[in-house]
Each structure stands twice: as structure tokens, then as C-alpha cells.
PDB file of all heavy atoms in Angstrom:
ATOM      1  N   SER A   1     -11.758   1.482  12.156  1.00  0.00           N
ATOM      2  CA  SER A   1     -11.137   2.115  11.032  1.00  0.00           C
ATOM      3  C   SER A   1     -10.906   3.578  11.343  1.00  0.00           C
ATOM      4  O   SER A   1      -9.810   4.167  11.073  1.00  0.00           O
ATOM      5  CB  SER A   1     -12.085   1.871   9.756  1.00  0.00           C
ATOM      6  OG  SER A   1     -12.163   0.677   9.481  1.00  0.00           O
ATOM      7  N   ALA A   2     -11.808   4.374  11.808  1.00  0.00           N
ATOM      8  CA  ALA A   2     -11.721   5.801  12.245  1.00  0.00           C
ATOM      9  C   ALA A   2     -10.636   5.990  13.338  1.00  0.00           C
ATOM     10  O   ALA A   2      -9.862   6.815  13.212  1.00  0.00           O
ATOM     11  CB  ALA A   2     -13.205   6.328  12.748  1.00  0.00           C
ATOM     12  N   ARG A   3     -10.669   5.107  14.299  1.00  0.00           N
ATOM     13  CA  ARG A   3      -9.630   5.229  15.357  1.00  0.00           C
ATOM     14  C   ARG A   3      -8.278   5.064  14.842  1.00  0.00           C
ATOM     15  O   ARG A   3      -7.413   5.872  15.126  1.00  0.00           O
ATOM     16  CB  ARG A   3      -9.985   4.183  16.400  1.00  0.00           C
ATOM     17  CG  ARG A   3      -9.116   4.283  17.667  1.00  0.00           C
ATOM     18  CD  ARG A   3      -9.369   3.149  18.657  1.00  0.00           C
ATOM     19  NE  ARG A   3      -8.676   1.852  18.042  1.00  0.00           N
ATOM     20  CZ  ARG A   3      -8.831   0.651  18.736  1.00  0.00           C
ATOM     21  NH1 ARG A   3      -9.546   0.512  19.726  1.00  0.00           N
ATOM     22  NH2 ARG A   3      -8.192  -0.304  18.034  1.00  0.00           N
ATOM     23  N   GLU A   4      -8.073   4.038  14.050  1.00  0.00           N
ATOM     24  CA  GLU A   4      -6.829   3.700  13.570  1.00  0.00           C
ATOM     25  C   GLU A   4      -6.196   4.537  12.513  1.00  0.00           C
ATOM     26  O   GLU A   4      -5.088   4.758  12.304  1.00  0.00           O
ATOM     27  CB  GLU A   4      -6.778   2.187  12.980  1.00  0.00           C
ATOM     28  CG  GLU A   4      -7.004   1.125  14.081  1.00  0.00           C
ATOM     29  CD  GLU A   4      -5.941   1.138  15.097  1.00  0.00           C
ATOM     30  OE1 GLU A   4      -4.737   1.433  14.865  1.00  0.00           O
ATOM     31  OE2 GLU A   4      -6.445   1.097  16.238  1.00  0.00           O
ATOM     32  N   TYR A   5      -7.192   5.360  11.810  1.00  0.00           N
ATOM     33  CA  TYR A   5      -6.777   6.297  10.732  1.00  0.00           C
ATOM     34  C   TYR A   5      -5.794   7.370  11.561  1.00  0.00           C
ATOM     35  O   TYR A   5      -4.833   7.877  10.753  1.00  0.00           O
ATOM     36  CB  TYR A   5      -8.031   6.939  10.220  1.00  0.00           C
ATOM     37  CG  TYR A   5      -7.618   8.067   9.203  1.00  0.00           C
ATOM     38  CD1 TYR A   5      -7.203   7.734   7.887  1.00  0.00           C
ATOM     39  CD2 TYR A   5      -7.710   9.380   9.688  1.00  0.00           C
ATOM     40  CE1 TYR A   5      -6.821   8.874   7.071  1.00  0.00           C
ATOM     41  CE2 TYR A   5      -7.417  10.366   8.822  1.00  0.00           C
ATOM     42  CZ  TYR A   5      -7.007  10.056   7.478  1.00  0.00           C
ATOM     43  OH  TYR A   5      -6.551  11.218   6.583  1.00  0.00           O
ATOM     44  N   PHE A   6      -6.272   7.828  12.555  1.00  0.00           N
ATOM     45  CA  PHE A   6      -5.598   8.938  13.290  1.00  0.00           C
ATOM     46  C   PHE A   6      -4.278   8.517  13.866  1.00  0.00           C
ATOM     47  O   PHE A   6      -3.396   9.232  14.366  1.00  0.00           O
ATOM     48  CB  PHE A   6      -6.443   9.647  14.390  1.00  0.00           C
ATOM     49  CG  PHE A   6      -7.560  10.359  13.682  1.00  0.00           C
ATOM     50  CD1 PHE A   6      -8.855   9.843  13.718  1.00  0.00           C
ATOM     51  CD2 PHE A   6      -7.367  11.526  13.014  1.00  0.00           C
ATOM     52  CE1 PHE A   6      -9.805  10.445  13.124  1.00  0.00           C
ATOM     53  CE2 PHE A   6      -8.428  12.296  12.526  1.00  0.00           C
ATOM     54  CZ  PHE A   6      -9.720  11.704  12.499  1.00  0.00           C
ATOM     55  N   ARG A   7      -3.914   7.053  13.983  1.00  0.00           N
ATOM     56  CA  ARG A   7      -2.843   6.485  14.552  1.00  0.00           C
ATOM     57  C   ARG A   7      -1.822   6.156  13.472  1.00  0.00           C
ATOM     58  O   ARG A   7      -0.651   5.728  13.686  1.00  0.00           O
ATOM     59  CB  ARG A   7      -3.220   5.468  15.485  1.00  0.00           C
ATOM     60  CG  ARG A   7      -4.012   5.741  16.667  1.00  0.00           C
ATOM     61  CD  ARG A   7      -4.402   4.454  17.306  1.00  0.00           C
ATOM     62  NE  ARG A   7      -5.218   4.652  18.604  1.00  0.00           N
ATOM     63  CZ  ARG A   7      -5.672   3.781  19.444  1.00  0.00           C
ATOM     64  NH1 ARG A   7      -5.451   2.480  19.096  1.00  0.00           N
ATOM     65  NH2 ARG A   7      -6.407   4.011  20.449  1.00  0.00           N
ATOM     66  N   PHE A   8      -2.349   6.012  12.235  1.00  0.00           N
ATOM     67  CA  PHE A   8      -1.542   5.285  11.248  1.00  0.00           C
ATOM     68  C   PHE A   8      -0.627   6.161  10.447  1.00  0.00           C
ATOM     69  O   PHE A   8      -0.935   7.375  10.080  1.00  0.00           O
ATOM     70  CB  PHE A   8      -2.597   4.674  10.286  1.00  0.00           C
ATOM     71  CG  PHE A   8      -1.870   3.785   9.125  1.00  0.00           C
ATOM     72  CD1 PHE A   8      -1.477   2.546   9.381  1.00  0.00           C
ATOM     73  CD2 PHE A   8      -1.788   4.294   7.803  1.00  0.00           C
ATOM     74  CE1 PHE A   8      -0.805   1.769   8.527  1.00  0.00           C
ATOM     75  CE2 PHE A   8      -1.282   3.600   6.920  1.00  0.00           C
ATOM     76  CZ  PHE A   8      -0.665   2.281   7.126  1.00  0.00           C
ATOM     77  N   GLN A   9       0.480   5.678  10.083  1.00  0.00           N
ATOM     78  CA  GLN A   9       1.477   6.420   9.310  1.00  0.00           C
ATOM     79  C   GLN A   9       1.854   5.751   8.115  1.00  0.00           C
ATOM     80  O   GLN A   9       2.217   4.514   8.096  1.00  0.00           O
ATOM     81  CB  GLN A   9       2.836   6.561  10.198  1.00  0.00           C
ATOM     82  CG  GLN A   9       2.753   7.374  11.290  1.00  0.00           C
ATOM     83  CD  GLN A   9       2.920   8.866  11.069  1.00  0.00           C
ATOM     84  OE1 GLN A   9       3.587   9.296  10.156  1.00  0.00           O
ATOM     85  NE2 GLN A   9       2.405   9.711  11.989  1.00  0.00           N
ATOM     86  N   ALA A  10       1.613   6.325   6.848  1.00  0.00           N
ATOM     87  CA  ALA A  10       1.912   5.686   5.590  1.00  0.00           C
ATOM     88  C   ALA A  10       3.348   5.260   5.602  1.00  0.00           C
ATOM     89  O   ALA A  10       4.277   6.058   6.182  1.00  0.00           O
ATOM     90  CB  ALA A  10       1.666   6.420   4.499  1.00  0.00           C
ATOM     91  N   LYS A  11       3.700   4.309   4.923  1.00  0.00           N
ATOM     92  CA  LYS A  11       5.022   3.647   4.724  1.00  0.00           C
ATOM     93  C   LYS A  11       5.555   3.650   3.315  1.00  0.00           C
ATOM     94  O   LYS A  11       4.691   3.727   2.401  1.00  0.00           O
ATOM     95  CB  LYS A  11       5.273   2.374   5.486  1.00  0.00           C
ATOM     96  CG  LYS A  11       4.903   2.396   6.941  1.00  0.00           C
ATOM     97  CD  LYS A  11       4.960   1.027   7.561  1.00  0.00           C
ATOM     98  CE  LYS A  11       4.660   1.093   9.118  1.00  0.00           C
ATOM     99  NZ  LYS A  11       4.749  -0.258   9.716  1.00  0.00           N
ATOM    100  N   SER A  12       6.864   3.426   3.140  1.00  0.00           N
ATOM    101  CA  SER A  12       7.389   3.265   1.852  1.00  0.00           C
ATOM    102  C   SER A  12       7.451   1.866   1.390  1.00  0.00           C
ATOM    103  O   SER A  12       7.776   0.996   2.241  1.00  0.00           O
ATOM    104  CB  SER A  12       8.857   3.978   1.868  1.00  0.00           C
ATOM    105  OG  SER A  12       8.657   5.315   2.099  1.00  0.00           O
ATOM    106  N   TYR A  13       7.279   1.499   0.233  1.00  0.00           N
ATOM    107  CA  TYR A  13       7.263   0.278  -0.409  1.00  0.00           C
ATOM    108  C   TYR A  13       8.111   0.263  -1.673  1.00  0.00           C
ATOM    109  O   TYR A  13       8.016   1.240  -2.403  1.00  0.00           O
ATOM    110  CB  TYR A  13       5.806  -0.191  -0.591  1.00  0.00           C
ATOM    111  CG  TYR A  13       5.001  -0.270   0.549  1.00  0.00           C
ATOM    112  CD1 TYR A  13       4.183   0.772   0.925  1.00  0.00           C
ATOM    113  CD2 TYR A  13       4.885  -1.380   1.312  1.00  0.00           C
ATOM    114  CE1 TYR A  13       3.505   0.759   2.124  1.00  0.00           C
ATOM    115  CE2 TYR A  13       4.240  -1.501   2.583  1.00  0.00           C
ATOM    116  CZ  TYR A  13       3.327  -0.386   2.825  1.00  0.00           C
ATOM    117  OH  TYR A  13       2.544  -0.481   4.029  1.00  0.00           O
ATOM    118  N   SER A  14       8.729  -0.959  -1.909  1.00  0.00           N
ATOM    119  CA  SER A  14       9.290  -1.144  -3.235  1.00  0.00           C
ATOM    120  C   SER A  14       8.510  -2.374  -3.759  1.00  0.00           C
ATOM    121  O   SER A  14       8.532  -3.431  -3.165  1.00  0.00           O
ATOM    122  CB  SER A  14      10.792  -1.445  -3.014  1.00  0.00           C
ATOM    123  OG  SER A  14      11.417  -1.789  -4.413  1.00  0.00           O
ATOM    124  N   ILE A  15       7.944  -2.074  -4.993  1.00  0.00           N
ATOM    125  CA  ILE A  15       7.002  -3.183  -5.469  1.00  0.00           C
ATOM    126  C   ILE A  15       7.537  -3.535  -6.966  1.00  0.00           C
ATOM    127  O   ILE A  15       7.723  -2.751  -7.810  1.00  0.00           O
ATOM    128  CB  ILE A  15       5.565  -2.548  -5.660  1.00  0.00           C
ATOM    129  CG1 ILE A  15       5.123  -2.080  -4.252  1.00  0.00           C
ATOM    130  CG2 ILE A  15       4.641  -3.590  -6.265  1.00  0.00           C
ATOM    131  CD1 ILE A  15       4.092  -0.999  -4.384  1.00  0.00           C
ATOM    132  N   GLU A  16       7.503  -4.945  -7.061  1.00  0.00           N
ATOM    133  CA  GLU A  16       8.026  -5.478  -8.415  1.00  0.00           C
ATOM    134  C   GLU A  16       6.783  -6.154  -8.969  1.00  0.00           C
ATOM    135  O   GLU A  16       6.320  -7.085  -8.382  1.00  0.00           O
ATOM    136  CB  GLU A  16       9.177  -6.302  -8.250  1.00  0.00           C
ATOM    137  CG  GLU A  16      10.404  -5.615  -7.754  1.00  0.00           C
ATOM    138  CD  GLU A  16      11.552  -6.555  -7.557  1.00  0.00           C
ATOM    139  OE1 GLU A  16      11.661  -7.554  -8.223  1.00  0.00           O
ATOM    140  OE2 GLU A  16      12.335  -6.417  -6.539  1.00  0.00           O
ATOM    141  N   LEU A  17       6.402  -5.783 -10.304  1.00  0.00           N
ATOM    142  CA  LEU A  17       5.370  -6.402 -10.911  1.00  0.00           C
ATOM    143  C   LEU A  17       5.318  -6.081 -12.520  1.00  0.00           C
ATOM    144  O   LEU A  17       5.711  -4.873 -12.858  1.00  0.00           O
ATOM    145  CB  LEU A  17       3.973  -6.178 -10.321  1.00  0.00           C
ATOM    146  CG  LEU A  17       3.481  -4.591 -10.243  1.00  0.00           C
ATOM    147  CD1 LEU A  17       2.930  -4.071 -11.562  1.00  0.00           C
ATOM    148  CD2 LEU A  17       2.379  -4.517  -9.206  1.00  0.00           C
ATOM    149  N   ASN A  18       5.159  -7.020 -13.280  1.00  0.00           N
ATOM    150  CA  ASN A  18       4.889  -6.683 -14.745  1.00  0.00           C
ATOM    151  C   ASN A  18       6.129  -5.970 -15.283  1.00  0.00           C
ATOM    152  O   ASN A  18       6.001  -5.041 -16.141  1.00  0.00           O
ATOM    153  CB  ASN A  18       3.628  -5.832 -15.040  1.00  0.00           C
ATOM    154  CG  ASN A  18       2.296  -6.518 -14.685  1.00  0.00           C
ATOM    155  OD1 ASN A  18       2.427  -7.751 -14.428  1.00  0.00           O
ATOM    156  ND2 ASN A  18       1.269  -5.710 -14.654  1.00  0.00           N
ATOM    157  N   ASP A  19       7.308  -6.466 -14.790  1.00  0.00           N
ATOM    158  CA  ASP A  19       8.689  -5.856 -15.252  1.00  0.00           C
ATOM    159  C   ASP A  19       8.742  -4.513 -14.813  1.00  0.00           C
ATOM    160  O   ASP A  19       9.654  -3.700 -15.370  1.00  0.00           O
ATOM    161  CB  ASP A  19       8.884  -5.966 -16.746  1.00  0.00           C
ATOM    162  CG  ASP A  19       8.882  -7.441 -17.238  1.00  0.00           C
ATOM    163  OD1 ASP A  19       9.426  -8.269 -16.525  1.00  0.00           O
ATOM    164  OD2 ASP A  19       8.340  -7.826 -18.424  1.00  0.00           O
ATOM    165  N   LEU A  20       8.025  -3.939 -13.920  1.00  0.00           N
ATOM    166  CA  LEU A  20       8.099  -2.680 -13.286  1.00  0.00           C
ATOM    167  C   LEU A  20       8.644  -2.700 -11.819  1.00  0.00           C
ATOM    168  O   LEU A  20       8.368  -3.671 -11.126  1.00  0.00           O
ATOM    169  CB  LEU A  20       6.779  -1.849 -13.359  1.00  0.00           C
ATOM    170  CG  LEU A  20       5.962  -1.694 -14.590  1.00  0.00           C
ATOM    171  CD1 LEU A  20       4.614  -1.159 -14.328  1.00  0.00           C
ATOM    172  CD2 LEU A  20       6.739  -0.674 -15.531  1.00  0.00           C
ATOM    173  N   THR A  21       9.461  -1.671 -11.496  1.00  0.00           N
ATOM    174  CA  THR A  21       9.656  -1.549 -10.128  1.00  0.00           C
ATOM    175  C   THR A  21       9.151  -0.210  -9.611  1.00  0.00           C
ATOM    176  O   THR A  21       9.396   0.921 -10.345  1.00  0.00           O
ATOM    177  CB  THR A  21      11.135  -1.431  -9.832  1.00  0.00           C
ATOM    178  OG1 THR A  21      11.775  -2.725 -10.234  1.00  0.00           O
ATOM    179  CG2 THR A  21      11.466  -1.156  -8.343  1.00  0.00           C
ATOM    180  N   ILE A  22       8.139  -0.300  -8.604  1.00  0.00           N
ATOM    181  CA  ILE A  22       7.414   0.905  -8.179  1.00  0.00           C
ATOM    182  C   ILE A  22       8.037   1.278  -6.809  1.00  0.00           C
ATOM    183  O   ILE A  22       7.756   0.429  -5.941  1.00  0.00           O
ATOM    184  CB  ILE A  22       5.907   0.764  -8.226  1.00  0.00           C
ATOM    185  CG1 ILE A  22       5.593   0.413  -9.678  1.00  0.00           C
ATOM    186  CG2 ILE A  22       5.200   2.067  -7.738  1.00  0.00           C
ATOM    187  CD1 ILE A  22       4.090  -0.151  -9.714  1.00  0.00           C
ATOM    188  N   LYS A  23       8.511   2.411  -6.690  1.00  0.00           N
ATOM    189  CA  LYS A  23       8.748   2.833  -5.225  1.00  0.00           C
ATOM    190  C   LYS A  23       7.861   3.929  -4.903  1.00  0.00           C
ATOM    191  O   LYS A  23       7.780   4.969  -5.534  1.00  0.00           O
ATOM    192  CB  LYS A  23      10.332   3.359  -5.098  1.00  0.00           C
ATOM    193  CG  LYS A  23      11.436   2.213  -5.510  1.00  0.00           C
ATOM    194  CD  LYS A  23      12.779   2.675  -5.268  1.00  0.00           C
ATOM    195  CE  LYS A  23      13.734   1.580  -5.702  1.00  0.00           C
ATOM    196  NZ  LYS A  23      13.623   0.453  -4.770  1.00  0.00           N
ATOM    197  N   THR A  24       7.143   3.696  -3.793  1.00  0.00           N
ATOM    198  CA  THR A  24       6.141   4.678  -3.459  1.00  0.00           C
ATOM    199  C   THR A  24       5.822   4.619  -1.904  1.00  0.00           C
ATOM    200  O   THR A  24       6.055   3.644  -1.251  1.00  0.00           O
ATOM    201  CB  THR A  24       4.786   4.321  -4.203  1.00  0.00           C
ATOM    202  OG1 THR A  24       3.817   5.284  -3.952  1.00  0.00           O
ATOM    203  CG2 THR A  24       4.323   2.965  -3.814  1.00  0.00           C
ATOM    204  N   ARG A  25       5.183   5.725  -1.417  1.00  0.00           N
ATOM    205  CA  ARG A  25       4.530   5.598  -0.109  1.00  0.00           C
ATOM    206  C   ARG A  25       3.092   5.291  -0.321  1.00  0.00           C
ATOM    207  O   ARG A  25       2.516   5.882  -1.353  1.00  0.00           O
ATOM    208  CB  ARG A  25       4.679   7.141   0.629  1.00  0.00           C
ATOM    209  CG  ARG A  25       6.132   7.217   1.142  1.00  0.00           C
ATOM    210  CD  ARG A  25       6.193   8.647   1.807  1.00  0.00           C
ATOM    211  NE  ARG A  25       5.287   8.840   2.961  1.00  0.00           N
ATOM    212  CZ  ARG A  25       5.561   8.394   4.244  1.00  0.00           C
ATOM    213  NH1 ARG A  25       6.655   7.508   4.450  1.00  0.00           N
ATOM    214  NH2 ARG A  25       4.611   8.545   5.112  1.00  0.00           N
ATOM    215  N   ALA A  26       2.582   4.550   0.563  1.00  0.00           N
ATOM    216  CA  ALA A  26       1.172   4.075   0.435  1.00  0.00           C
ATOM    217  C   ALA A  26       0.432   4.031   1.591  1.00  0.00           C
ATOM    218  O   ALA A  26       1.058   3.832   2.659  1.00  0.00           O
ATOM    219  CB  ALA A  26       1.153   2.782  -0.335  1.00  0.00           C
ATOM    220  N   PHE A  27      -0.849   4.223   1.552  1.00  0.00           N
ATOM    221  CA  PHE A  27      -1.765   4.153   2.661  1.00  0.00           C
ATOM    222  C   PHE A  27      -2.058   2.594   2.871  1.00  0.00           C
ATOM    223  O   PHE A  27      -2.266   2.131   3.909  1.00  0.00           O
ATOM    224  CB  PHE A  27      -3.107   4.938   2.386  1.00  0.00           C
ATOM    225  CG  PHE A  27      -4.142   4.847   3.483  1.00  0.00           C
ATOM    226  CD1 PHE A  27      -3.754   5.371   4.675  1.00  0.00           C
ATOM    227  CD2 PHE A  27      -5.304   4.356   3.232  1.00  0.00           C
ATOM    228  CE1 PHE A  27      -4.758   5.430   5.649  1.00  0.00           C
ATOM    229  CE2 PHE A  27      -6.278   4.270   4.157  1.00  0.00           C
ATOM    230  CZ  PHE A  27      -5.967   4.967   5.441  1.00  0.00           C
ATOM    231  N   LEU A  28      -2.318   1.988   1.701  1.00  0.00           N
ATOM    232  CA  LEU A  28      -2.448   0.523   1.686  1.00  0.00           C
ATOM    233  C   LEU A  28      -2.265  -0.127   0.415  1.00  0.00           C
ATOM    234  O   LEU A  28      -2.248   0.613  -0.610  1.00  0.00           O
ATOM    235  CB  LEU A  28      -3.959   0.149   2.142  1.00  0.00           C
ATOM    236  CG  LEU A  28      -5.129   0.460   1.331  1.00  0.00           C
ATOM    237  CD1 LEU A  28      -5.399  -0.471   0.132  1.00  0.00           C
ATOM    238  CD2 LEU A  28      -6.370   0.458   2.272  1.00  0.00           C
ATOM    239  N   LEU A  29      -1.823  -1.424   0.369  1.00  0.00           N
ATOM    240  CA  LEU A  29      -1.559  -2.154  -0.693  1.00  0.00           C
ATOM    241  C   LEU A  29      -2.472  -3.452  -0.590  1.00  0.00           C
ATOM    242  O   LEU A  29      -2.550  -4.044   0.383  1.00  0.00           O
ATOM    243  CB  LEU A  29      -0.084  -2.715  -0.804  1.00  0.00           C
ATOM    244  CG  LEU A  29       0.945  -1.470  -0.849  1.00  0.00           C
ATOM    245  CD1 LEU A  29       2.378  -2.163  -0.858  1.00  0.00           C
ATOM    246  CD2 LEU A  29       0.890  -0.578  -2.104  1.00  0.00           C
ATOM    247  N   THR A  30      -3.305  -3.755  -1.675  1.00  0.00           N
ATOM    248  CA  THR A  30      -4.167  -4.798  -1.648  1.00  0.00           C
ATOM    249  C   THR A  30      -3.949  -5.719  -2.957  1.00  0.00           C
ATOM    250  O   THR A  30      -4.171  -5.031  -4.067  1.00  0.00           O
ATOM    251  CB  THR A  30      -5.572  -4.417  -1.401  1.00  0.00           C
ATOM    252  OG1 THR A  30      -5.677  -3.796  -0.234  1.00  0.00           O
ATOM    253  CG2 THR A  30      -6.568  -5.651  -1.455  1.00  0.00           C
ATOM    254  N   ALA A  31      -3.890  -6.963  -2.842  1.00  0.00           N
ATOM    255  CA  ALA A  31      -3.904  -7.791  -3.974  1.00  0.00           C
ATOM    256  C   ALA A  31      -5.455  -8.382  -3.869  1.00  0.00           C
ATOM    257  O   ALA A  31      -5.667  -9.050  -2.907  1.00  0.00           O
ATOM    258  CB  ALA A  31      -2.987  -9.018  -3.737  1.00  0.00           C
ATOM    259  N   ALA A  32      -6.040  -8.127  -4.888  1.00  0.00           N
ATOM    260  CA  ALA A  32      -7.483  -8.430  -4.980  1.00  0.00           C
ATOM    261  C   ALA A  32      -7.761  -9.559  -6.020  1.00  0.00           C
ATOM    262  O   ALA A  32      -7.606  -9.389  -7.178  1.00  0.00           O
ATOM    263  CB  ALA A  32      -8.405  -7.285  -5.221  1.00  0.00           C
ATOM    264  N   ASN A  33      -8.201 -10.828  -5.498  1.00  0.00           N
ATOM    265  CA  ASN A  33      -8.735 -11.830  -6.472  1.00  0.00           C
ATOM    266  C   ASN A  33     -10.205 -11.613  -6.685  1.00  0.00           C
ATOM    267  O   ASN A  33     -10.610 -11.841  -7.796  1.00  0.00           O
ATOM    268  CB  ASN A  33      -8.431 -13.177  -5.736  1.00  0.00           C
ATOM    269  CG  ASN A  33      -8.782 -14.371  -6.740  1.00  0.00           C
ATOM    270  OD1 ASN A  33      -8.414 -14.287  -7.921  1.00  0.00           O
ATOM    271  ND2 ASN A  33      -9.238 -15.352  -6.240  1.00  0.00           N
ATOM    272  N   SER A  34     -10.848 -11.129  -5.703  1.00  0.00           N
ATOM    273  CA  SER A  34     -12.283 -10.694  -5.959  1.00  0.00           C
ATOM    274  C   SER A  34     -12.468  -9.195  -5.658  1.00  0.00           C
ATOM    275  O   SER A  34     -11.392  -8.594  -5.408  1.00  0.00           O
ATOM    276  CB  SER A  34     -13.341 -11.574  -5.159  1.00  0.00           C
ATOM    277  OG  SER A  34     -13.159 -11.223  -3.833  1.00  0.00           O
ATOM    278  N   SER A  35     -13.592  -8.725  -5.645  1.00  0.00           N
ATOM    279  CA  SER A  35     -13.669  -7.238  -5.737  1.00  0.00           C
ATOM    280  C   SER A  35     -13.799  -6.430  -4.419  1.00  0.00           C
ATOM    281  O   SER A  35     -13.500  -5.403  -4.353  1.00  0.00           O
ATOM    282  CB  SER A  35     -14.973  -6.903  -6.596  1.00  0.00           C
ATOM    283  OG  SER A  35     -16.225  -7.530  -6.024  1.00  0.00           O
TER     284      SER A  35
END
């Protein structure tokens, strides 16, 4: 995780949910069924 942090570039995403469209740059996106 530490090694990849310094190599990683955040990217742009277009997200559709709950009648919303969210355009954002993100470090990570996670769909969580548990915690």
C-alpha cells in the first residue's frame, strides 16, 4: 500500500446512482456490502 501510494494517480469518474450523476476525481471507489 505504501509503495503503490507513491506510484498512483487519481482518476476521473462519472457515477450514476440514486438519480444523481456525480463527476469527480477519486482516490478510490468502493461498493461495500459489509463494513
